[in-house]
Full PDB file with SEQRES, HELIX, SHEET, SSBOND, CRYST1, ORIGX, SCALE, CONECT and MASTER records, all heavy atoms in Angstrom:
SEQRES   1 A   37  ASP ILE HIS ALA ALA GLU LEU HIS TYR LEU GLN LYS GLU          
SEQRES   2 A   37  HIS GLN VAL GLN LEU ASN ARG PRO GLU PHE ARG ARG GLU          
SEQRES   3 A   37  GLY GLN ALA LEU ASN SER ASP THR GLY THR LEU                  
SHEET    1 AA1 3 ILE A   2  HIS A   3  0                                        
SHEET    2 AA1 3 GLU A  22  ARG A  25 -1                                        
SHEET    3 AA1 3 GLN A  28  ASN A  31 -1                                        
SHEET    1 AA2 3 GLU A   6  LEU A  10  0                                        
SHEET    2 AA2 3 GLN A  15  ASN A  19 -1                                        
SHEET    3 AA2 3 THR A  34  THR A  36 -1                                        
CRYST1    1.000    1.000    1.000  90.00  90.00  90.00 P 1           1          
ORIGX1      1.000000  0.000000  0.000000        0.00000                         
ORIGX2      0.000000  1.000000  0.000000        0.00000                         
ORIGX3      0.000000  0.000000  1.000000        0.00000                         
SCALE1      1.000000  0.000000  0.000000        0.00000                         
SCALE2      0.000000  1.000000  0.000000        0.00000                         
SCALE3      0.000000  0.000000  1.000000        0.00000                         
ATOM      1  N   ASP A   1       0.871  -1.162  -0.032  1.00  0.00           N  
ATOM      2  CA  ASP A   1      -0.012   0.015   0.044  1.00  0.00           C  
ATOM      3  C   ASP A   1       0.862   1.187  -0.028  1.00  0.00           C  
ATOM      4  O   ASP A   1       1.877   1.330   0.753  1.00  0.00           O  
ATOM      5  CB  ASP A   1      -0.880  -0.015   1.209  1.00  0.00           C  
ATOM      6  CG  ASP A   1      -1.965  -1.004   1.103  1.00  0.00           C  
ATOM      7  OD1 ASP A   1      -2.399  -1.373  -0.022  1.00  0.00           O  
ATOM      8  OD2 ASP A   1      -2.510  -1.487   2.200  1.00  0.00           O  
ATOM      9  N   ILE A   2       0.604   2.212  -0.831  1.00  0.00           N  
ATOM     10  CA  ILE A   2       1.270   3.490  -0.993  1.00  0.00           C  
ATOM     11  C   ILE A   2       0.323   4.611  -0.513  1.00  0.00           C  
ATOM     12  O   ILE A   2      -0.717   4.810  -1.196  1.00  0.00           O  
ATOM     13  CB  ILE A   2       1.769   3.716  -2.377  1.00  0.00           C  
ATOM     14  CG1 ILE A   2       2.660   2.658  -2.803  1.00  0.00           C  
ATOM     15  CG2 ILE A   2       2.562   5.047  -2.385  1.00  0.00           C  
ATOM     16  CD1 ILE A   2       3.146   2.785  -4.229  1.00  0.00           C  
ATOM     17  N   HIS A   3       0.668   5.350   0.542  1.00  0.00           N  
ATOM     18  CA  HIS A   3      -0.084   6.403   1.045  1.00  0.00           C  
ATOM     19  C   HIS A   3       0.652   7.694   0.776  1.00  0.00           C  
ATOM     20  O   HIS A   3       1.939   7.700   0.922  1.00  0.00           O  
ATOM     21  CB  HIS A   3      -0.284   6.303   2.529  1.00  0.00           C  
ATOM     22  CG  HIS A   3      -1.210   5.149   2.906  1.00  0.00           C  
ATOM     23  ND1 HIS A   3      -2.531   5.273   3.435  1.00  0.00           N  
ATOM     24  CD2 HIS A   3      -0.981   3.828   2.848  1.00  0.00           C  
ATOM     25  CE1 HIS A   3      -2.996   4.045   3.586  1.00  0.00           C  
ATOM     26  NE2 HIS A   3      -2.177   3.185   3.316  1.00  0.00           N  
ATOM     27  N   ALA A   4       0.011   8.830   0.424  1.00  0.00           N  
ATOM     28  CA  ALA A   4       0.680  10.108   0.175  1.00  0.00           C  
ATOM     29  C   ALA A   4      -0.287  11.192   0.376  1.00  0.00           C  
ATOM     30  O   ALA A   4      -1.495  11.043   0.222  1.00  0.00           O  
ATOM     31  CB  ALA A   4       1.217  10.063  -1.255  1.00  0.00           C  
ATOM     32  N   ALA A   5       0.293  12.385   0.705  1.00  0.00           N  
ATOM     33  CA  ALA A   5      -0.497  13.594   0.842  1.00  0.00           C  
ATOM     34  C   ALA A   5      -1.018  14.044  -0.521  1.00  0.00           C  
ATOM     35  O   ALA A   5      -2.036  14.549  -0.647  1.00  0.00           O  
ATOM     36  CB  ALA A   5       0.318  14.649   1.557  1.00  0.00           C  
ATOM     37  N   GLU A   6      -0.085  13.901  -1.541  1.00  0.00           N  
ATOM     38  CA  GLU A   6      -0.474  14.166  -2.923  1.00  0.00           C  
ATOM     39  C   GLU A   6       0.445  13.466  -3.832  1.00  0.00           C  
ATOM     40  O   GLU A   6       1.574  12.972  -3.495  1.00  0.00           O  
ATOM     41  CB  GLU A   6      -0.536  15.671  -3.200  1.00  0.00           C  
ATOM     42  CG  GLU A   6       0.841  16.281  -3.079  1.00  0.00           C  
ATOM     43  CD  GLU A   6       0.812  17.791  -3.473  1.00  0.00           C  
ATOM     44  OE1 GLU A   6       0.112  18.204  -4.490  1.00  0.00           O  
ATOM     45  OE2 GLU A   6       1.477  18.622  -2.785  1.00  0.00           O  
ATOM     46  N   LEU A   7      -0.056  13.290  -5.142  1.00  0.00           N  
ATOM     47  CA  LEU A   7       0.731  12.520  -6.071  1.00  0.00           C  
ATOM     48  C   LEU A   7       0.650  13.316  -7.488  1.00  0.00           C  
ATOM     49  O   LEU A   7      -0.325  13.766  -7.861  1.00  0.00           O  
ATOM     50  CB  LEU A   7       0.261  11.152  -6.309  1.00  0.00           C  
ATOM     51  CG  LEU A   7       0.794  10.237  -7.237  1.00  0.00           C  
ATOM     52  CD1 LEU A   7       0.735   8.736  -6.811  1.00  0.00           C  
ATOM     53  CD2 LEU A   7       0.161  10.338  -8.645  1.00  0.00           C  
ATOM     54  N   HIS A   8       1.886  13.397  -8.110  1.00  0.00           N  
ATOM     55  CA  HIS A   8       1.970  13.903  -9.496  1.00  0.00           C  
ATOM     56  C   HIS A   8       2.459  12.836 -10.427  1.00  0.00           C  
ATOM     57  O   HIS A   8       3.620  12.333 -10.174  1.00  0.00           O  
ATOM     58  CB  HIS A   8       2.854  15.213  -9.557  1.00  0.00           C  
ATOM     59  CG  HIS A   8       2.350  16.380  -8.777  1.00  0.00           C  
ATOM     60  ND1 HIS A   8       1.593  17.360  -9.359  1.00  0.00           N  
ATOM     61  CD2 HIS A   8       2.370  16.740  -7.500  1.00  0.00           C  
ATOM     62  CE1 HIS A   8       1.206  18.225  -8.503  1.00  0.00           C  
ATOM     63  NE2 HIS A   8       1.729  17.956  -7.357  1.00  0.00           N  
ATOM     64  N   TYR A   9       1.685  12.602 -11.447  1.00  0.00           N  
ATOM     65  CA  TYR A   9       2.232  11.634 -12.508  1.00  0.00           C  
ATOM     66  C   TYR A   9       2.533  12.387 -13.704  1.00  0.00           C  
ATOM     67  O   TYR A   9       1.748  13.137 -14.339  1.00  0.00           O  
ATOM     68  CB  TYR A   9       1.090  10.564 -12.810  1.00  0.00           C  
ATOM     69  CG  TYR A   9       1.357   9.651 -13.993  1.00  0.00           C  
ATOM     70  CD1 TYR A   9       2.479   8.985 -14.090  1.00  0.00           C  
ATOM     71  CD2 TYR A   9       0.493   9.732 -15.022  1.00  0.00           C  
ATOM     72  CE1 TYR A   9       2.779   8.231 -15.220  1.00  0.00           C  
ATOM     73  CE2 TYR A   9       0.722   8.903 -16.240  1.00  0.00           C  
ATOM     74  CZ  TYR A   9       1.942   8.220 -16.340  1.00  0.00           C  
ATOM     75  OH  TYR A   9       2.151   7.416 -17.381  1.00  0.00           O  
ATOM     76  N   LEU A  10       3.873  12.319 -14.125  1.00  0.00           N  
ATOM     77  CA  LEU A  10       4.351  13.084 -15.323  1.00  0.00           C  
ATOM     78  C   LEU A  10       4.685  12.071 -16.377  1.00  0.00           C  
ATOM     79  O   LEU A  10       5.740  11.392 -16.327  1.00  0.00           O  
ATOM     80  CB  LEU A  10       5.620  13.892 -14.857  1.00  0.00           C  
ATOM     81  CG  LEU A  10       5.507  14.703 -13.660  1.00  0.00           C  
ATOM     82  CD1 LEU A  10       6.766  15.405 -13.260  1.00  0.00           C  
ATOM     83  CD2 LEU A  10       4.287  15.772 -13.782  1.00  0.00           C  
ATOM     84  N   GLN A  11       3.817  11.920 -17.302  1.00  0.00           N  
ATOM     85  CA  GLN A  11       3.937  10.914 -18.357  1.00  0.00           C  
ATOM     86  C   GLN A  11       5.154  11.125 -19.190  1.00  0.00           C  
ATOM     87  O   GLN A  11       5.943  10.182 -19.528  1.00  0.00           O  
ATOM     88  CB  GLN A  11       2.722  10.851 -19.197  1.00  0.00           C  
ATOM     89  CG  GLN A  11       2.764   9.653 -20.264  1.00  0.00           C  
ATOM     90  CD  GLN A  11       1.473   9.684 -21.134  1.00  0.00           C  
ATOM     91  OE1 GLN A  11       0.874  10.670 -21.362  1.00  0.00           O  
ATOM     92  NE2 GLN A  11       1.125   8.503 -21.622  1.00  0.00           N  
ATOM     93  N   LYS A  12       5.435  12.319 -19.712  1.00  0.00           N  
ATOM     94  CA  LYS A  12       6.614  12.558 -20.615  1.00  0.00           C  
ATOM     95  C   LYS A  12       7.897  12.371 -19.862  1.00  0.00           C  
ATOM     96  O   LYS A  12       8.914  11.894 -20.419  1.00  0.00           O  
ATOM     97  CB  LYS A  12       6.414  13.942 -21.152  1.00  0.00           C  
ATOM     98  CG  LYS A  12       5.325  14.155 -22.095  1.00  0.00           C  
ATOM     99  CD  LYS A  12       5.261  15.613 -22.615  1.00  0.00           C  
ATOM    100  CE  LYS A  12       4.142  15.808 -23.665  1.00  0.00           C  
ATOM    101  NZ  LYS A  12       4.104  17.197 -24.111  1.00  0.00           N  
ATOM    102  N   GLU A  13       7.948  12.755 -18.595  1.00  0.00           N  
ATOM    103  CA  GLU A  13       9.211  12.605 -17.806  1.00  0.00           C  
ATOM    104  C   GLU A  13       9.355  11.129 -17.261  1.00  0.00           C  
ATOM    105  O   GLU A  13      10.379  10.892 -16.578  1.00  0.00           O  
ATOM    106  CB  GLU A  13       9.142  13.680 -16.668  1.00  0.00           C  
ATOM    107  CG  GLU A  13       9.333  15.062 -17.111  1.00  0.00           C  
ATOM    108  CD  GLU A  13       8.053  15.781 -17.606  1.00  0.00           C  
ATOM    109  OE1 GLU A  13       7.069  14.925 -17.586  1.00  0.00           O  
ATOM    110  OE2 GLU A  13       8.034  16.895 -17.942  1.00  0.00           O  
ATOM    111  N   HIS A  14       8.307  10.380 -17.363  1.00  0.00           N  
ATOM    112  CA  HIS A  14       8.267   9.014 -16.842  1.00  0.00           C  
ATOM    113  C   HIS A  14       8.576   9.102 -15.275  1.00  0.00           C  
ATOM    114  O   HIS A  14       9.464   8.334 -14.748  1.00  0.00           O  
ATOM    115  CB  HIS A  14       9.358   8.140 -17.428  1.00  0.00           C  
ATOM    116  CG  HIS A  14       9.118   7.952 -18.959  1.00  0.00           C  
ATOM    117  ND1 HIS A  14       8.192   7.042 -19.347  1.00  0.00           N  
ATOM    118  CD2 HIS A  14       9.736   8.509 -20.043  1.00  0.00           C  
ATOM    119  CE1 HIS A  14       8.222   7.096 -20.683  1.00  0.00           C  
ATOM    120  NE2 HIS A  14       9.085   7.943 -21.157  1.00  0.00           N  
ATOM    121  N   GLN A  15       7.802   9.935 -14.568  1.00  0.00           N  
ATOM    122  CA  GLN A  15       8.049  10.098 -13.119  1.00  0.00           C  
ATOM    123  C   GLN A  15       6.677  10.114 -12.408  1.00  0.00           C  
ATOM    124  O   GLN A  15       5.658  10.492 -12.977  1.00  0.00           O  
ATOM    125  CB  GLN A  15       8.811  11.381 -12.876  1.00  0.00           C  
ATOM    126  CG  GLN A  15      10.208  11.451 -13.308  1.00  0.00           C  
ATOM    127  CD  GLN A  15      10.791  12.793 -12.863  1.00  0.00           C  
ATOM    128  OE1 GLN A  15      10.305  13.442 -11.948  1.00  0.00           O  
ATOM    129  NE2 GLN A  15      11.885  13.187 -13.597  1.00  0.00           N  
ATOM    130  N   VAL A  16       6.758   9.646 -11.161  1.00  0.00           N  
ATOM    131  CA  VAL A  16       5.665   9.822 -10.209  1.00  0.00           C  
ATOM    132  C   VAL A  16       6.294  10.518  -9.034  1.00  0.00           C  
ATOM    133  O   VAL A  16       7.247   9.976  -8.372  1.00  0.00           O  
ATOM    134  CB  VAL A  16       5.072   8.466  -9.788  1.00  0.00           C  
ATOM    135  CG1 VAL A  16       3.982   8.699  -8.676  1.00  0.00           C  
ATOM    136  CG2 VAL A  16       4.405   7.755 -11.031  1.00  0.00           C  
ATOM    137  N   GLN A  17       5.739  11.640  -8.655  1.00  0.00           N  
ATOM    138  CA  GLN A  17       6.334  12.468  -7.552  1.00  0.00           C  
ATOM    139  C   GLN A  17       5.252  12.417  -6.434  1.00  0.00           C  
ATOM    140  O   GLN A  17       4.072  12.630  -6.629  1.00  0.00           O  
ATOM    141  CB  GLN A  17       6.480  13.844  -7.938  1.00  0.00           C  
ATOM    142  CG  GLN A  17       7.563  14.004  -9.105  1.00  0.00           C  
ATOM    143  CD  GLN A  17       7.791  15.478  -9.505  1.00  0.00           C  
ATOM    144  OE1 GLN A  17       7.122  16.398  -9.167  1.00  0.00           O  
ATOM    145  NE2 GLN A  17       8.756  15.633 -10.383  1.00  0.00           N  
ATOM    146  N   LEU A  18       5.769  12.194  -5.209  1.00  0.00           N  
ATOM    147  CA  LEU A  18       4.858  11.947  -4.038  1.00  0.00           C  
ATOM    148  C   LEU A  18       5.242  12.906  -2.900  1.00  0.00           C  
ATOM    149  O   LEU A  18       6.420  13.140  -2.686  1.00  0.00           O  
ATOM    150  CB  LEU A  18       5.095  10.411  -3.512  1.00  0.00           C  
ATOM    151  CG  LEU A  18       4.798   9.320  -4.485  1.00  0.00           C  
ATOM    152  CD1 LEU A  18       5.433   8.041  -4.042  1.00  0.00           C  
ATOM    153  CD2 LEU A  18       3.284   9.161  -4.663  1.00  0.00           C  
ATOM    154  N   ASN A  19       4.249  13.369  -2.284  1.00  0.00           N  
ATOM    155  CA  ASN A  19       4.532  14.255  -1.138  1.00  0.00           C  
ATOM    156  C   ASN A  19       4.057  13.470   0.142  1.00  0.00           C  
ATOM    157  O   ASN A  19       2.987  12.900   0.240  1.00  0.00           O  
ATOM    158  CB  ASN A  19       3.642  15.550  -1.249  1.00  0.00           C  
ATOM    159  CG  ASN A  19       3.890  16.536  -0.102  1.00  0.00           C  
ATOM    160  OD1 ASN A  19       4.982  16.491   0.493  1.00  0.00           O  
ATOM    161  ND2 ASN A  19       2.965  17.329   0.177  1.00  0.00           N  
ATOM    162  N   ARG A  20       5.002  13.410   1.048  1.00  0.00           N  
ATOM    163  CA  ARG A  20       4.853  12.643   2.378  1.00  0.00           C  
ATOM    164  C   ARG A  20       4.368  11.150   2.099  1.00  0.00           C  
ATOM    165  O   ARG A  20       3.278  10.732   2.544  1.00  0.00           O  
ATOM    166  CB  ARG A  20       3.882  13.340   3.286  1.00  0.00           C  
ATOM    167  CG  ARG A  20       4.329  14.666   3.798  1.00  0.00           C  
ATOM    168  CD  ARG A  20       3.710  15.161   5.062  1.00  0.00           C  
ATOM    169  NE  ARG A  20       2.295  15.246   4.963  1.00  0.00           N  
ATOM    170  CZ  ARG A  20       1.594  16.275   4.545  1.00  0.00           C  
ATOM    171  NH1 ARG A  20       2.292  17.370   4.038  1.00  0.00           N  
ATOM    172  NH2 ARG A  20       0.314  16.319   4.438  1.00  0.00           N  
ATOM    173  N   PRO A  21       5.127  10.490   1.261  1.00  0.00           N  
ATOM    174  CA  PRO A  21       4.743   9.094   0.953  1.00  0.00           C  
ATOM    175  C   PRO A  21       5.067   8.108   2.094  1.00  0.00           C  
ATOM    176  O   PRO A  21       5.916   8.398   2.926  1.00  0.00           O  
ATOM    177  CB  PRO A  21       5.752   8.818  -0.199  1.00  0.00           C  
ATOM    178  CG  PRO A  21       6.927   9.637  -0.034  1.00  0.00           C  
ATOM    179  CD  PRO A  21       6.403  10.870   0.605  1.00  0.00           C  
ATOM    180  N   GLU A  22       4.215   7.083   2.210  1.00  0.00           N  
ATOM    181  CA  GLU A  22       4.475   6.037   3.084  1.00  0.00           C  
ATOM    182  C   GLU A  22       4.115   4.699   2.396  1.00  0.00           C  
ATOM    183  O   GLU A  22       3.049   4.591   1.828  1.00  0.00           O  
ATOM    184  CB  GLU A  22       3.542   6.126   4.317  1.00  0.00           C  
ATOM    185  CG  GLU A  22       3.862   4.993   5.335  1.00  0.00           C  
ATOM    186  CD  GLU A  22       3.108   5.171   6.614  1.00  0.00           C  
ATOM    187  OE1 GLU A  22       2.338   6.181   6.816  1.00  0.00           O  
ATOM    188  OE2 GLU A  22       3.182   4.324   7.538  1.00  0.00           O  
ATOM    189  N   PHE A  23       5.136   3.746   2.322  1.00  0.00           N  
ATOM    190  CA  PHE A  23       4.969   2.478   1.758  1.00  0.00           C  
ATOM    191  C   PHE A  23       4.701   1.435   2.891  1.00  0.00           C  
ATOM    192  O   PHE A  23       5.534   1.314   3.818  1.00  0.00           O  
ATOM    193  CB  PHE A  23       6.152   2.052   0.970  1.00  0.00           C  
ATOM    194  CG  PHE A  23       6.543   3.057  -0.170  1.00  0.00           C  
ATOM    195  CD1 PHE A  23       7.144   4.284   0.038  1.00  0.00           C  
ATOM    196  CD2 PHE A  23       6.059   2.731  -1.409  1.00  0.00           C  
ATOM    197  CE1 PHE A  23       7.437   5.057  -0.927  1.00  0.00           C  
ATOM    198  CE2 PHE A  23       6.340   3.648  -2.540  1.00  0.00           C  
ATOM    199  CZ  PHE A  23       7.020   4.820  -2.230  1.00  0.00           C  
ATOM    200  N   ARG A  24       3.654   0.696   2.781  1.00  0.00           N  
ATOM    201  CA  ARG A  24       3.287  -0.284   3.785  1.00  0.00           C  
ATOM    202  C   ARG A  24       3.178  -1.662   3.237  1.00  0.00           C  
ATOM    203  O   ARG A  24       2.551  -1.887   2.218  1.00  0.00           O  
ATOM    204  CB  ARG A  24       1.896   0.129   4.524  1.00  0.00           C  
ATOM    205  CG  ARG A  24       1.922   1.477   5.140  1.00  0.00           C  
ATOM    206  CD  ARG A  24       0.563   1.804   5.715  1.00  0.00           C  
ATOM    207  NE  ARG A  24       0.465   3.060   6.291  1.00  0.00           N  
ATOM    208  CZ  ARG A  24      -0.640   3.586   6.758  1.00  0.00           C  
ATOM    209  NH1 ARG A  24      -1.811   2.969   6.741  1.00  0.00           N  
ATOM    210  NH2 ARG A  24      -0.573   4.890   7.207  1.00  0.00           N  
ATOM    211  N   ARG A  25       3.781  -2.597   3.967  1.00  0.00           N  
ATOM    212  CA  ARG A  25       3.682  -3.988   3.611  1.00  0.00           C  
ATOM    213  C   ARG A  25       3.522  -4.699   4.947  1.00  0.00           C  
ATOM    214  O   ARG A  25       3.977  -4.222   5.997  1.00  0.00           O  
ATOM    215  CB  ARG A  25       4.913  -4.527   2.857  1.00  0.00           C  
ATOM    216  CG  ARG A  25       4.713  -5.845   2.166  1.00  0.00           C  
ATOM    217  CD  ARG A  25       5.874  -6.148   1.171  1.00  0.00           C  
ATOM    218  NE  ARG A  25       7.130  -6.403   1.846  1.00  0.00           N  
ATOM    219  CZ  ARG A  25       8.169  -6.741   1.163  1.00  0.00           C  
ATOM    220  NH1 ARG A  25       8.171  -6.911  -0.133  1.00  0.00           N  
ATOM    221  NH2 ARG A  25       9.356  -7.001   1.734  1.00  0.00           N  
ATOM    222  N   GLU A  26       3.033  -5.941   4.943  1.00  0.00           N  
ATOM    223  CA  GLU A  26       2.683  -6.624   6.181  1.00  0.00           C  
ATOM    224  C   GLU A  26       3.975  -6.626   7.120  1.00  0.00           C  
ATOM    225  O   GLU A  26       4.994  -7.148   6.719  1.00  0.00           O  
ATOM    226  CB  GLU A  26       2.261  -8.092   5.969  1.00  0.00           C  
ATOM    227  CG  GLU A  26       1.963  -8.838   7.185  1.00  0.00           C  
ATOM    228  CD  GLU A  26       1.520 -10.285   6.914  1.00  0.00           C  
ATOM    229  OE1 GLU A  26       1.540 -10.567   5.661  1.00  0.00           O  
ATOM    230  OE2 GLU A  26       1.149 -10.969   7.867  1.00  0.00           O  
ATOM    231  N   GLY A  27       3.828  -5.984   8.225  1.00  0.00           N  
ATOM    232  CA  GLY A  27       5.000  -5.941   9.193  1.00  0.00           C  
ATOM    233  C   GLY A  27       6.063  -4.957   8.898  1.00  0.00           C  
ATOM    234  O   GLY A  27       7.060  -4.817   9.580  1.00  0.00           O  
ATOM    235  N   GLN A  28       5.822  -4.143   7.819  1.00  0.00           N  
ATOM    236  CA  GLN A  28       6.911  -3.206   7.376  1.00  0.00           C  
ATOM    237  C   GLN A  28       6.225  -1.874   6.968  1.00  0.00           C  
ATOM    238  O   GLN A  28       5.104  -1.827   6.470  1.00  0.00           O  
ATOM    239  CB  GLN A  28       7.696  -3.784   6.188  1.00  0.00           C  
ATOM    240  CG  GLN A  28       8.418  -5.050   6.546  1.00  0.00           C  
ATOM    241  CD  GLN A  28       9.248  -5.579   5.403  1.00  0.00           C  
ATOM    242  OE1 GLN A  28       9.646  -4.724   4.547  1.00  0.00           O  
ATOM    243  NE2 GLN A  28       9.489  -6.856   5.218  1.00  0.00           N  
ATOM    244  N   ALA A  29       7.016  -0.770   7.184  1.00  0.00           N  
ATOM    245  CA  ALA A  29       6.568   0.576   6.796  1.00  0.00           C  
ATOM    246  C   ALA A  29       7.830   1.395   6.466  1.00  0.00           C  
ATOM    247  O   ALA A  29       8.822   1.283   7.110  1.00  0.00           O  
ATOM    248  CB  ALA A  29       5.689   1.204   7.827  1.00  0.00           C  
ATOM    249  N   LEU A  30       7.624   2.308   5.448  1.00  0.00           N  
ATOM    250  CA  LEU A  30       8.753   3.178   5.134  1.00  0.00           C  
ATOM    251  C   LEU A  30       8.162   4.500   4.620  1.00  0.00           C  
ATOM    252  O   LEU A  30       7.177   4.557   3.784  1.00  0.00           O  
ATOM    253  CB  LEU A  30       9.530   2.542   3.931  1.00  0.00           C  
ATOM    254  CG  LEU A  30      10.720   3.342   3.402  1.00  0.00           C  
ATOM    255  CD1 LEU A  30      11.830   3.508   4.382  1.00  0.00           C  
ATOM    256  CD2 LEU A  30      11.293   2.602   2.218  1.00  0.00           C  
ATOM    257  N   ASN A  31       8.625   5.574   5.223  1.00  0.00           N  
ATOM    258  CA  ASN A  31       8.064   6.897   4.907  1.00  0.00           C  
ATOM    259  C   ASN A  31       9.119   7.939   4.778  1.00  0.00           C  
ATOM    260  O   ASN A  31      10.244   7.756   5.299  1.00  0.00           O  
ATOM    261  CB  ASN A  31       6.950   7.322   5.864  1.00  0.00           C  
ATOM    262  CG  ASN A  31       7.522   7.375   7.277  1.00  0.00           C  
ATOM    263  OD1 ASN A  31       8.258   8.243   7.679  1.00  0.00           O  
ATOM    264  ND2 ASN A  31       7.124   6.393   8.149  1.00  0.00           N  
ATOM    265  N   SER A  32       8.771   9.091   4.210  1.00  0.00           N  
ATOM    266  CA  SER A  32       9.732  10.247   4.043  1.00  0.00           C  
ATOM    267  C   SER A  32       8.912  11.497   3.712  1.00  0.00           C  
ATOM    268  O   SER A  32       7.730  11.479   3.690  1.00  0.00           O  
ATOM    269  CB  SER A  32      10.726   9.945   2.925  1.00  0.00           C  
ATOM    270  OG  SER A  32      10.027   9.883   1.666  1.00  0.00           O  
ATOM    271  N   ASP A  33       9.587  12.711   3.577  1.00  0.00           N  
ATOM    272  CA  ASP A  33       8.974  13.909   3.286  1.00  0.00           C  
ATOM    273  C   ASP A  33       8.515  13.879   1.843  1.00  0.00           C  
ATOM    274  O   ASP A  33       7.406  14.296   1.566  1.00  0.00           O  
ATOM    275  CB  ASP A  33       9.952  15.080   3.594  1.00  0.00           C  
ATOM    276  CG  ASP A  33      10.242  15.261   5.002  1.00  0.00           C  
ATOM    277  OD1 ASP A  33       9.486  14.746   5.874  1.00  0.00           O  
ATOM    278  OD2 ASP A  33      11.166  15.972   5.378  1.00  0.00           O  
ATOM    279  N   THR A  34       9.396  13.511   0.927  1.00  0.00           N  
ATOM    280  CA  THR A  34       8.994  13.495  -0.456  1.00  0.00           C  
ATOM    281  C   THR A  34       9.640  12.198  -1.121  1.00  0.00           C  
ATOM    282  O   THR A  34      10.557  11.561  -0.526  1.00  0.00           O  
ATOM    283  CB  THR A  34       9.674  14.632  -1.279  1.00  0.00           C  
ATOM    284  OG1 THR A  34      11.040  14.666  -1.209  1.00  0.00           O  
ATOM    285  CG2 THR A  34       9.074  16.023  -0.688  1.00  0.00           C  
ATOM    286  N   GLY A  35       9.092  11.890  -2.208  1.00  0.00           N  
ATOM    287  CA  GLY A  35       9.666  10.689  -3.033  1.00  0.00           C  
ATOM    288  C   GLY A  35       9.355  10.789  -4.459  1.00  0.00           C  
ATOM    289  O   GLY A  35       8.413  11.549  -4.885  1.00  0.00           O  
ATOM    290  N   THR A  36      10.177  10.145  -5.225  1.00  0.00           N  
ATOM    291  CA  THR A  36      10.046  10.107  -6.718  1.00  0.00           C  
ATOM    292  C   THR A  36      10.343   8.765  -7.247  1.00  0.00           C  
ATOM    293  O   THR A  36      11.282   8.104  -6.892  1.00  0.00           O  
ATOM    294  CB  THR A  36      11.017  11.152  -7.445  1.00  0.00           C  
ATOM    295  OG1 THR A  36      10.760  12.471  -6.949  1.00  0.00           O  
ATOM    296  CG2 THR A  36      10.857  11.075  -8.925  1.00  0.00           C  
ATOM    297  N   LEU A  37       9.411   8.259  -8.132  1.00  0.00           N  
ATOM    298  CA  LEU A  37       9.595   7.008  -8.872  1.00  0.00           C  
ATOM    299  C   LEU A  37       9.838   7.286 -10.282  1.00  0.00           C  
ATOM    300  O   LEU A  37       9.182   8.120 -10.937  1.00  0.00           O  
ATOM    301  CB  LEU A  37       8.370   6.144  -8.658  1.00  0.00           C  
ATOM    302  CG  LEU A  37       8.004   5.665  -7.287  1.00  0.00           C  
ATOM    303  CD1 LEU A  37       6.667   4.894  -7.263  1.00  0.00           C  
ATOM    304  CD2 LEU A  37       9.119   4.802  -6.631  1.00  0.00           C  
TER     305      LEU A  37                                                      
MASTER        0    0    0    0    6    0    0    6  304    1    0    3          
END                                                                             
């Protein structure tokens, strides 16, 4: 599960930009201020 305050998908730049993202998997969690895929 990916939680975020907001998300920007940029098709031409091939990017997903996340504000306050949190990645959750059973027994695990990872978060930060910002993130880019």
